N, C-alpha and C. Protein backbone atom coordinates (compact mmCIF):
# COMPACT_ATOMS: atom_id res chain seq x y z
N MET A 1 139.11 -150.67 23.70
CA MET A 1 139.55 -151.60 22.67
C MET A 1 140.88 -152.20 23.10
N ARG A 2 140.98 -153.49 23.07
CA ARG A 2 142.22 -154.18 23.46
C ARG A 2 143.00 -154.55 22.22
N PHE A 3 144.31 -154.33 22.29
CA PHE A 3 145.18 -154.70 21.19
C PHE A 3 145.80 -156.05 21.51
N SER A 4 145.95 -156.86 20.49
CA SER A 4 146.58 -158.15 20.69
C SER A 4 147.90 -158.15 19.94
N TYR A 5 148.99 -158.19 20.68
CA TYR A 5 150.32 -158.17 20.09
C TYR A 5 151.01 -159.51 20.33
N GLU A 6 151.92 -159.82 19.46
CA GLU A 6 152.79 -160.98 19.66
C GLU A 6 153.75 -160.64 20.80
N PRO A 7 154.34 -161.65 21.43
CA PRO A 7 155.24 -161.36 22.57
C PRO A 7 156.37 -160.38 22.23
N GLU A 8 156.98 -160.54 21.07
CA GLU A 8 158.07 -159.64 20.68
C GLU A 8 157.56 -158.21 20.49
N GLN A 9 156.38 -158.08 19.90
CA GLN A 9 155.80 -156.75 19.72
C GLN A 9 155.47 -156.12 21.07
N LYS A 10 154.99 -156.93 22.01
CA LYS A 10 154.68 -156.42 23.34
C LYS A 10 155.94 -155.88 24.01
N ARG A 11 157.03 -156.68 23.92
CA ARG A 11 158.29 -156.24 24.53
C ARG A 11 158.76 -154.93 23.91
N GLN A 12 158.61 -154.83 22.59
CA GLN A 12 159.03 -153.60 21.90
C GLN A 12 158.18 -152.41 22.35
N LYS A 13 156.88 -152.61 22.43
CA LYS A 13 155.99 -151.52 22.87
C LYS A 13 156.32 -151.10 24.30
N PHE A 14 156.56 -152.07 25.19
CA PHE A 14 156.91 -151.74 26.56
C PHE A 14 158.22 -150.97 26.61
N SER A 15 159.18 -151.35 25.77
CA SER A 15 160.46 -150.63 25.71
C SER A 15 160.25 -149.20 25.23
N GLU A 16 159.40 -149.02 24.22
CA GLU A 16 159.12 -147.67 23.71
C GLU A 16 158.45 -146.81 24.78
N ILE A 17 157.52 -147.40 25.48
CA ILE A 17 156.83 -146.65 26.55
C ILE A 17 157.81 -146.29 27.65
N LYS A 18 158.66 -147.24 28.04
CA LYS A 18 159.66 -146.98 29.09
C LYS A 18 160.60 -145.85 28.66
N ALA A 19 161.04 -145.87 27.39
CA ALA A 19 161.92 -144.80 26.90
C ALA A 19 161.19 -143.45 26.95
N GLY A 20 159.92 -143.45 26.58
CA GLY A 20 159.13 -142.21 26.65
C GLY A 20 158.99 -141.69 28.07
N LEU A 21 158.77 -142.60 29.00
CA LEU A 21 158.66 -142.20 30.42
C LEU A 21 159.98 -141.66 30.94
N ASP A 22 161.09 -142.30 30.54
CA ASP A 22 162.41 -141.81 30.96
C ASP A 22 162.68 -140.43 30.37
N ASP A 23 162.31 -140.22 29.10
CA ASP A 23 162.49 -138.90 28.48
C ASP A 23 161.65 -137.85 29.20
N ALA A 24 160.42 -138.21 29.54
CA ALA A 24 159.54 -137.27 30.25
C ALA A 24 160.13 -136.91 31.60
N GLU A 25 160.67 -137.89 32.31
CA GLU A 25 161.29 -137.63 33.61
C GLU A 25 162.48 -136.69 33.47
N SER A 26 163.28 -136.91 32.45
CA SER A 26 164.44 -136.06 32.20
C SER A 26 164.00 -134.62 31.90
N LEU A 27 162.97 -134.47 31.09
CA LEU A 27 162.47 -133.13 30.76
C LEU A 27 161.91 -132.42 32.00
N ILE A 28 161.21 -133.17 32.83
CA ILE A 28 160.66 -132.57 34.05
C ILE A 28 161.79 -132.11 34.96
N ARG A 29 162.87 -132.90 35.06
CA ARG A 29 164.02 -132.49 35.88
C ARG A 29 164.64 -131.20 35.34
N LYS A 30 164.78 -131.13 34.01
CA LYS A 30 165.35 -129.92 33.40
C LYS A 30 164.45 -128.71 33.65
N MET A 31 163.13 -128.91 33.51
CA MET A 31 162.19 -127.81 33.76
C MET A 31 162.26 -127.37 35.22
N ASP A 32 162.44 -128.33 36.12
CA ASP A 32 162.54 -128.02 37.54
C ASP A 32 163.76 -127.14 37.82
N LEU A 33 164.90 -127.53 37.26
CA LEU A 33 166.12 -126.74 37.46
C LEU A 33 165.96 -125.33 36.88
N GLU A 34 165.35 -125.25 35.71
CA GLU A 34 165.17 -123.94 35.09
C GLU A 34 164.19 -123.08 35.89
N ALA A 35 163.12 -123.71 36.38
CA ALA A 35 162.12 -122.96 37.15
C ALA A 35 162.72 -122.41 38.44
N ARG A 36 163.65 -123.14 39.05
CA ARG A 36 164.26 -122.69 40.30
C ARG A 36 165.13 -121.44 40.10
N SER A 37 165.54 -121.18 38.88
CA SER A 37 166.39 -120.02 38.63
C SER A 37 165.59 -118.77 38.27
N LEU A 38 164.27 -118.86 38.25
CA LEU A 38 163.43 -117.72 37.88
C LEU A 38 163.07 -116.88 39.10
N GLN A 39 162.39 -115.79 38.83
CA GLN A 39 161.94 -114.89 39.90
C GLN A 39 160.98 -115.63 40.82
N PRO A 40 160.95 -115.30 42.12
CA PRO A 40 160.13 -116.03 43.09
C PRO A 40 158.65 -116.11 42.73
N ASN A 41 158.06 -115.03 42.23
CA ASN A 41 156.62 -115.07 41.94
C ASN A 41 156.31 -116.04 40.80
N VAL A 42 157.17 -116.15 39.81
CA VAL A 42 156.98 -117.09 38.70
C VAL A 42 157.37 -118.49 39.14
N LYS A 43 158.41 -118.56 39.95
CA LYS A 43 158.98 -119.83 40.41
C LYS A 43 157.93 -120.66 41.16
N VAL A 44 157.18 -120.03 42.05
CA VAL A 44 156.19 -120.73 42.87
C VAL A 44 155.14 -121.40 41.99
N VAL A 45 154.64 -120.66 41.01
CA VAL A 45 153.60 -121.20 40.12
C VAL A 45 154.14 -122.37 39.31
N LEU A 46 155.33 -122.19 38.76
CA LEU A 46 155.91 -123.25 37.92
C LEU A 46 156.25 -124.50 38.73
N LEU A 47 156.76 -124.33 39.94
CA LEU A 47 157.11 -125.49 40.76
C LEU A 47 155.85 -126.26 41.17
N ALA A 48 154.75 -125.56 41.41
CA ALA A 48 153.48 -126.24 41.72
C ALA A 48 153.02 -127.06 40.52
N LYS A 49 153.11 -126.48 39.35
CA LYS A 49 152.72 -127.19 38.13
C LYS A 49 153.63 -128.40 37.90
N LEU A 50 154.93 -128.24 38.18
CA LEU A 50 155.86 -129.36 38.01
C LEU A 50 155.55 -130.50 38.98
N ARG A 51 155.10 -130.16 40.19
CA ARG A 51 154.71 -131.21 41.14
C ARG A 51 153.55 -132.02 40.57
N GLU A 52 152.61 -131.35 39.91
CA GLU A 52 151.50 -132.07 39.28
C GLU A 52 152.03 -132.99 38.18
N TYR A 53 152.94 -132.46 37.37
CA TYR A 53 153.50 -133.28 36.29
C TYR A 53 154.23 -134.49 36.85
N LYS A 54 155.00 -134.28 37.93
CA LYS A 54 155.73 -135.39 38.54
C LYS A 54 154.75 -136.45 39.06
N SER A 55 153.67 -136.00 39.66
CA SER A 55 152.66 -136.93 40.17
C SER A 55 152.05 -137.73 39.03
N ASP A 56 151.67 -137.04 37.95
CA ASP A 56 151.11 -137.74 36.79
C ASP A 56 152.11 -138.74 36.23
N LEU A 57 153.37 -138.33 36.13
CA LEU A 57 154.40 -139.22 35.60
C LEU A 57 154.58 -140.44 36.50
N ASN A 58 154.56 -140.24 37.80
CA ASN A 58 154.70 -141.37 38.73
C ASN A 58 153.53 -142.34 38.59
N ASN A 59 152.31 -141.79 38.38
CA ASN A 59 151.15 -142.66 38.16
C ASN A 59 151.32 -143.48 36.89
N LEU A 60 151.79 -142.83 35.83
CA LEU A 60 152.03 -143.54 34.57
C LEU A 60 153.10 -144.61 34.73
N LYS A 61 154.16 -144.28 35.48
CA LYS A 61 155.23 -145.26 35.71
C LYS A 61 154.70 -146.47 36.49
N SER A 62 153.87 -146.22 37.48
CA SER A 62 153.30 -147.32 38.27
C SER A 62 152.44 -148.22 37.39
N GLU A 63 151.62 -147.61 36.56
CA GLU A 63 150.77 -148.38 35.65
C GLU A 63 151.62 -149.18 34.67
N HIS A 64 152.67 -148.56 34.13
CA HIS A 64 153.57 -149.26 33.21
C HIS A 64 154.24 -150.43 33.93
N LYS A 65 154.69 -150.19 35.15
CA LYS A 65 155.36 -151.24 35.93
C LYS A 65 154.41 -152.41 36.18
N ARG A 66 153.17 -152.09 36.53
CA ARG A 66 152.18 -153.13 36.79
C ARG A 66 151.92 -153.96 35.54
N LEU A 67 151.74 -153.29 34.41
CA LEU A 67 151.48 -154.00 33.16
C LEU A 67 152.71 -154.78 32.70
N ALA A 68 153.88 -154.19 32.86
CA ALA A 68 155.11 -154.86 32.45
C ALA A 68 155.35 -156.11 33.30
N SER A 69 155.05 -156.01 34.59
CA SER A 69 155.23 -157.16 35.48
C SER A 69 154.28 -158.28 35.09
N ALA A 70 153.02 -157.93 34.83
CA ALA A 70 152.05 -158.95 34.41
C ALA A 70 152.48 -159.56 33.08
N ASN A 71 152.94 -158.72 32.16
CA ASN A 71 153.38 -159.21 30.85
C ASN A 71 154.62 -160.08 31.00
N SER A 72 155.52 -159.69 31.89
CA SER A 72 156.76 -160.44 32.12
C SER A 72 156.45 -161.82 32.68
N ASN A 73 155.53 -161.88 33.64
CA ASN A 73 155.17 -163.18 34.22
C ASN A 73 154.50 -164.07 33.17
N GLN A 74 153.63 -163.49 32.36
CA GLN A 74 152.96 -164.25 31.31
C GLN A 74 153.99 -164.73 30.28
N ALA A 75 154.93 -163.86 29.91
CA ALA A 75 155.95 -164.23 28.93
C ALA A 75 156.82 -165.36 29.48
N ALA A 76 157.16 -165.30 30.76
CA ALA A 76 157.98 -166.35 31.37
C ALA A 76 157.23 -167.68 31.34
N ARG A 77 155.94 -167.66 31.65
CA ARG A 77 155.14 -168.88 31.60
C ARG A 77 155.06 -169.41 30.17
N ASP A 78 154.81 -168.51 29.22
CA ASP A 78 154.73 -168.91 27.82
C ASP A 78 156.04 -169.52 27.34
N ASP A 79 157.16 -168.88 27.69
CA ASP A 79 158.47 -169.41 27.29
C ASP A 79 158.70 -170.80 27.89
N LEU A 80 158.32 -170.97 29.13
CA LEU A 80 158.48 -172.26 29.78
C LEU A 80 157.68 -173.33 29.07
N LEU A 81 156.45 -173.00 28.72
CA LEU A 81 155.60 -173.98 28.06
C LEU A 81 156.05 -174.24 26.62
N GLU A 82 156.47 -173.20 25.92
CA GLU A 82 156.87 -173.33 24.52
C GLU A 82 158.20 -174.05 24.36
N SER A 83 159.07 -173.96 25.31
CA SER A 83 160.41 -174.51 25.17
C SER A 83 160.43 -176.03 25.17
N GLY A 84 159.37 -176.63 25.51
CA GLY A 84 159.35 -178.09 25.52
C GLY A 84 159.96 -178.67 26.78
N MET A 85 160.39 -177.81 27.70
CA MET A 85 161.01 -178.30 28.94
C MET A 85 159.97 -179.06 29.76
N ALA A 86 158.79 -178.52 29.76
CA ALA A 86 157.74 -179.20 30.52
C ALA A 86 156.41 -178.64 30.08
N ASP A 87 155.38 -179.37 30.16
CA ASP A 87 154.06 -178.84 29.88
C ASP A 87 153.39 -178.50 31.20
N ALA A 88 152.24 -177.84 31.13
CA ALA A 88 151.57 -177.33 32.32
C ALA A 88 151.22 -178.43 33.31
N MET A 89 150.97 -179.64 32.86
CA MET A 89 150.57 -180.72 33.76
C MET A 89 151.75 -181.34 34.50
N SER A 90 152.95 -181.32 33.89
CA SER A 90 154.06 -182.04 34.50
C SER A 90 154.93 -181.17 35.41
N VAL A 91 154.75 -179.87 35.37
CA VAL A 91 155.56 -179.00 36.22
C VAL A 91 155.04 -179.13 37.65
N SER A 92 155.92 -179.45 38.54
CA SER A 92 155.49 -179.65 39.93
C SER A 92 155.18 -178.32 40.60
N ALA A 93 154.37 -178.39 41.61
CA ALA A 93 154.00 -177.20 42.36
C ALA A 93 155.23 -176.57 43.01
N ASN A 94 156.17 -177.40 43.40
CA ASN A 94 157.40 -176.91 44.02
C ASN A 94 158.20 -176.06 43.03
N GLN A 95 158.34 -176.54 41.79
CA GLN A 95 159.08 -175.80 40.78
C GLN A 95 158.39 -174.47 40.45
N ARG A 96 157.09 -174.51 40.34
CA ARG A 96 156.35 -173.27 40.07
C ARG A 96 156.53 -172.27 41.21
N GLY A 97 156.45 -172.76 42.41
CA GLY A 97 156.61 -171.89 43.58
C GLY A 97 157.98 -171.24 43.61
N ARG A 98 159.02 -172.04 43.33
CA ARG A 98 160.38 -171.48 43.31
C ARG A 98 160.54 -170.46 42.19
N LEU A 99 159.97 -170.76 41.04
CA LEU A 99 160.04 -169.83 39.91
C LEU A 99 159.33 -168.51 40.25
N MET A 100 158.17 -168.61 40.84
CA MET A 100 157.42 -167.40 41.21
C MET A 100 158.17 -166.60 42.28
N MET A 101 158.76 -167.30 43.27
CA MET A 101 159.51 -166.60 44.31
C MET A 101 160.75 -165.91 43.71
N SER A 102 161.42 -166.61 42.80
CA SER A 102 162.60 -166.01 42.15
C SER A 102 162.22 -164.79 41.34
N THR A 103 161.13 -164.91 40.62
CA THR A 103 160.65 -163.77 39.82
C THR A 103 160.26 -162.61 40.72
N GLU A 104 159.60 -162.90 41.81
CA GLU A 104 159.19 -161.85 42.74
C GLU A 104 160.40 -161.16 43.37
N ARG A 105 161.40 -161.96 43.78
CA ARG A 105 162.62 -161.36 44.35
C ARG A 105 163.34 -160.50 43.32
N LEU A 106 163.39 -160.97 42.10
CA LEU A 106 164.02 -160.21 41.03
C LEU A 106 163.29 -158.89 40.80
N ASN A 107 161.97 -158.94 40.78
CA ASN A 107 161.18 -157.71 40.62
C ASN A 107 161.38 -156.75 41.79
N GLU A 108 161.45 -157.29 43.01
CA GLU A 108 161.68 -156.44 44.18
C GLU A 108 163.06 -155.79 44.12
N SER A 109 164.05 -156.57 43.70
CA SER A 109 165.41 -156.02 43.58
C SER A 109 165.44 -154.91 42.53
N SER A 110 164.77 -155.14 41.42
CA SER A 110 164.71 -154.12 40.37
C SER A 110 164.03 -152.86 40.89
N ASP A 111 162.97 -153.03 41.66
CA ASP A 111 162.26 -151.88 42.23
C ASP A 111 163.15 -151.10 43.18
N ARG A 112 163.93 -151.83 44.01
CA ARG A 112 164.83 -151.14 44.94
C ARG A 112 165.91 -150.38 44.19
N ILE A 113 166.42 -150.96 43.12
CA ILE A 113 167.44 -150.28 42.32
C ILE A 113 166.86 -149.02 41.69
N LYS A 114 165.65 -149.12 41.15
CA LYS A 114 165.00 -147.96 40.53
C LYS A 114 164.75 -146.87 41.56
N GLU A 115 164.30 -147.27 42.74
CA GLU A 115 164.02 -146.30 43.81
C GLU A 115 165.32 -145.63 44.26
N SER A 116 166.39 -146.41 44.36
CA SER A 116 167.69 -145.84 44.74
C SER A 116 168.17 -144.85 43.69
N ARG A 117 167.99 -145.19 42.44
CA ARG A 117 168.39 -144.30 41.34
C ARG A 117 167.57 -143.00 41.39
N ARG A 118 166.27 -143.13 41.64
CA ARG A 118 165.41 -141.95 41.72
C ARG A 118 165.85 -141.06 42.89
N THR A 119 166.16 -141.67 44.03
CA THR A 119 166.62 -140.91 45.19
C THR A 119 167.94 -140.21 44.88
N MET A 120 168.83 -140.91 44.18
CA MET A 120 170.12 -140.33 43.81
C MET A 120 169.91 -139.10 42.91
N LEU A 121 169.00 -139.22 41.94
CA LEU A 121 168.75 -138.10 41.03
C LEU A 121 168.13 -136.91 41.77
N GLU A 122 167.22 -137.19 42.70
CA GLU A 122 166.63 -136.11 43.48
C GLU A 122 167.69 -135.42 44.34
N THR A 123 168.58 -136.21 44.93
CA THR A 123 169.66 -135.66 45.75
C THR A 123 170.59 -134.80 44.89
N GLU A 124 170.86 -135.27 43.69
CA GLU A 124 171.70 -134.50 42.77
C GLU A 124 171.04 -133.17 42.41
N GLU A 125 169.74 -133.21 42.14
CA GLU A 125 169.02 -131.97 41.82
C GLU A 125 169.06 -131.01 43.00
N LEU A 126 168.88 -131.54 44.21
CA LEU A 126 168.93 -130.70 45.40
C LEU A 126 170.31 -130.08 45.56
N GLY A 127 171.35 -130.87 45.31
CA GLY A 127 172.72 -130.37 45.40
C GLY A 127 172.98 -129.24 44.41
N VAL A 128 172.48 -129.41 43.18
CA VAL A 128 172.64 -128.36 42.16
C VAL A 128 171.93 -127.10 42.61
N SER A 129 170.74 -127.25 43.15
CA SER A 129 169.97 -126.09 43.62
C SER A 129 170.71 -125.38 44.76
N ILE A 130 171.26 -126.14 45.69
CA ILE A 130 172.00 -125.55 46.81
C ILE A 130 173.24 -124.82 46.30
N LEU A 131 173.94 -125.42 45.35
CA LEU A 131 175.13 -124.77 44.79
C LEU A 131 174.77 -123.46 44.09
N GLN A 132 173.64 -123.46 43.40
CA GLN A 132 173.21 -122.22 42.75
C GLN A 132 172.91 -121.15 43.78
N ASP A 133 172.22 -121.54 44.85
CA ASP A 133 171.90 -120.58 45.92
C ASP A 133 173.18 -120.05 46.57
N LEU A 134 174.13 -120.92 46.82
CA LEU A 134 175.39 -120.50 47.43
C LEU A 134 176.15 -119.54 46.50
N HIS A 135 176.11 -119.81 45.21
CA HIS A 135 176.77 -118.94 44.24
C HIS A 135 176.13 -117.54 44.27
N GLN A 136 174.81 -117.49 44.30
CA GLN A 136 174.13 -116.19 44.37
C GLN A 136 174.48 -115.46 45.67
N GLN A 137 174.54 -116.18 46.77
CA GLN A 137 174.90 -115.55 48.04
C GLN A 137 176.33 -115.04 48.02
N ARG A 138 177.23 -115.80 47.39
CA ARG A 138 178.62 -115.37 47.27
C ARG A 138 178.71 -114.08 46.47
N GLN A 139 177.96 -114.03 45.36
CA GLN A 139 177.98 -112.82 44.54
C GLN A 139 177.47 -111.62 45.35
N SER A 140 176.43 -111.83 46.14
CA SER A 140 175.89 -110.75 46.97
C SER A 140 176.92 -110.28 47.99
N LEU A 141 177.62 -111.23 48.61
CA LEU A 141 178.64 -110.86 49.60
C LEU A 141 179.80 -110.11 48.95
N LEU A 142 180.22 -110.55 47.78
CA LEU A 142 181.30 -109.85 47.08
C LEU A 142 180.89 -108.43 46.73
N HIS A 143 179.66 -108.29 46.28
CA HIS A 143 179.16 -106.96 45.93
C HIS A 143 179.12 -106.06 47.18
N ALA A 144 178.65 -106.61 48.29
CA ALA A 144 178.60 -105.84 49.53
C ALA A 144 180.01 -105.45 49.98
N ASN A 145 180.96 -106.36 49.85
CA ASN A 145 182.34 -106.08 50.22
C ASN A 145 182.90 -104.94 49.36
N ASP A 146 182.64 -104.99 48.07
CA ASP A 146 183.10 -103.92 47.17
C ASP A 146 182.48 -102.58 47.54
N THR A 147 181.20 -102.60 47.88
CA THR A 147 180.51 -101.36 48.27
C THR A 147 181.12 -100.77 49.54
N VAL A 148 181.38 -101.61 50.54
CA VAL A 148 181.99 -101.14 51.79
C VAL A 148 183.38 -100.56 51.51
N PHE A 149 184.14 -101.22 50.68
CA PHE A 149 185.49 -100.76 50.36
C PHE A 149 185.43 -99.38 49.70
N LEU A 150 184.49 -99.21 48.78
CA LEU A 150 184.34 -97.91 48.11
C LEU A 150 183.93 -96.82 49.10
N LEU A 151 183.04 -97.18 50.02
CA LEU A 151 182.60 -96.20 51.02
C LEU A 151 183.74 -95.80 51.95
N LEU A 152 184.66 -96.73 52.21
CA LEU A 152 185.79 -96.40 53.07
C LEU A 152 186.76 -95.45 52.37
N LYS A 153 186.77 -95.43 51.06
CA LYS A 153 187.67 -94.56 50.31
C LYS A 153 187.16 -93.10 50.27
N VAL A 154 185.86 -92.89 50.50
CA VAL A 154 185.28 -91.55 50.38
C VAL A 154 185.95 -90.54 51.31
N PRO A 155 186.15 -90.82 52.62
CA PRO A 155 186.81 -89.81 53.47
C PRO A 155 188.22 -89.47 52.98
N TYR A 156 188.93 -90.45 52.48
CA TYR A 156 190.29 -90.21 51.99
C TYR A 156 190.25 -89.30 50.77
N ARG A 157 189.33 -89.50 49.88
CA ARG A 157 189.20 -88.65 48.70
C ARG A 157 188.81 -87.23 49.09
N LEU A 158 187.96 -87.10 50.10
CA LEU A 158 187.59 -85.78 50.58
C LEU A 158 188.83 -85.07 51.14
N HIS A 159 189.67 -85.82 51.82
CA HIS A 159 190.91 -85.27 52.36
C HIS A 159 191.78 -84.74 51.23
N LEU A 160 191.89 -85.45 50.16
CA LEU A 160 192.69 -85.00 49.03
C LEU A 160 192.12 -83.71 48.43
N LEU A 161 190.79 -83.62 48.40
CA LEU A 161 190.15 -82.44 47.84
C LEU A 161 190.22 -81.24 48.77
N THR A 162 190.03 -81.45 50.04
CA THR A 162 189.95 -80.34 50.98
C THR A 162 191.24 -80.09 51.74
N GLY A 163 192.12 -81.05 51.73
CA GLY A 163 193.36 -80.89 52.47
C GLY A 163 193.21 -81.27 53.92
N LYS A 164 192.02 -81.68 54.33
CA LYS A 164 191.79 -82.09 55.71
C LYS A 164 191.33 -83.54 55.71
N PHE A 165 191.66 -84.20 56.75
CA PHE A 165 191.15 -85.56 56.90
C PHE A 165 191.02 -85.84 58.38
N GLU A 166 189.76 -85.98 58.80
CA GLU A 166 189.52 -86.15 60.22
C GLU A 166 189.32 -87.62 60.60
N GLY A 167 188.97 -88.45 59.63
CA GLY A 167 188.69 -89.85 59.95
C GLY A 167 189.83 -90.77 59.56
N LYS A 168 191.05 -90.24 59.53
CA LYS A 168 192.20 -91.01 59.06
C LYS A 168 192.45 -92.25 59.92
N ASP A 169 192.44 -92.12 61.21
CA ASP A 169 192.69 -93.27 62.08
C ASP A 169 191.59 -94.31 61.94
N GLU A 170 190.35 -93.85 61.85
CA GLU A 170 189.22 -94.77 61.70
C GLU A 170 189.33 -95.53 60.38
N ARG A 171 189.70 -94.85 59.31
CA ARG A 171 189.82 -95.48 58.00
C ARG A 171 190.93 -96.53 58.03
N LYS A 172 192.05 -96.21 58.63
CA LYS A 172 193.15 -97.17 58.71
C LYS A 172 192.73 -98.41 59.50
N ARG A 173 192.04 -98.18 60.59
CA ARG A 173 191.58 -99.31 61.40
C ARG A 173 190.62 -100.20 60.59
N LEU A 174 189.70 -99.59 59.90
CA LEU A 174 188.74 -100.36 59.10
C LEU A 174 189.43 -101.07 57.94
N MET A 175 190.42 -100.42 57.34
CA MET A 175 191.13 -101.04 56.22
C MET A 175 191.92 -102.26 56.71
N ARG A 176 192.56 -102.14 57.87
CA ARG A 176 193.31 -103.30 58.42
C ARG A 176 192.33 -104.43 58.74
N LYS A 177 191.22 -104.10 59.34
CA LYS A 177 190.22 -105.09 59.70
C LYS A 177 189.68 -105.75 58.43
N GLY A 178 189.38 -104.97 57.41
CA GLY A 178 188.88 -105.50 56.15
C GLY A 178 189.94 -106.31 55.43
N GLY A 179 191.20 -105.89 55.54
CA GLY A 179 192.29 -106.59 54.88
C GLY A 179 192.49 -107.99 55.45
N ARG A 180 192.27 -108.14 56.75
CA ARG A 180 192.41 -109.46 57.37
C ARG A 180 191.34 -110.42 56.89
N LYS A 181 190.16 -109.93 56.59
CA LYS A 181 189.06 -110.80 56.15
C LYS A 181 189.34 -111.33 54.75
N ASN A 182 190.03 -110.58 53.93
CA ASN A 182 190.27 -111.00 52.55
C ASN A 182 191.36 -112.05 52.44
N LYS A 183 192.17 -112.23 53.47
CA LYS A 183 193.30 -113.16 53.39
C LYS A 183 192.87 -114.58 53.58
């Protein structure tokens, strides 16, 4: 069933659809970031599902873009004819050609801007993911450092308890070596 809308209603519907697609893209990005922070076995399944969602969303965006472009060209023709500037018979082929070329260049520029924005958002998501991974690795290294430090204290504590300490020189050497790394 085909719906017949007035030009203003069409523009409004296209705007509503575009807003819905943008909201869906934002939600998918949020789900992606959240899925990356989960356990590996759950993460793999969710990221695969998100790839499907992204693919579906890209298909919907392409269809919306195709329909919006066709609607935009039709609206431009209708506006030209309605404005009284010229009727269909008096517009020269040269003017039509220039108008179509200008419209095409404008659409291509818009597409490049959208693609650049999409690339920027993907890069930002990747950066956030890398920062999260680095943070986790830092926490692991700090924990390992604390564990080593505690283990180095054990011979000294034994010395206090028993009155003997045989690894004193080794402990001092390791403490100096460890102390240099923290500076």
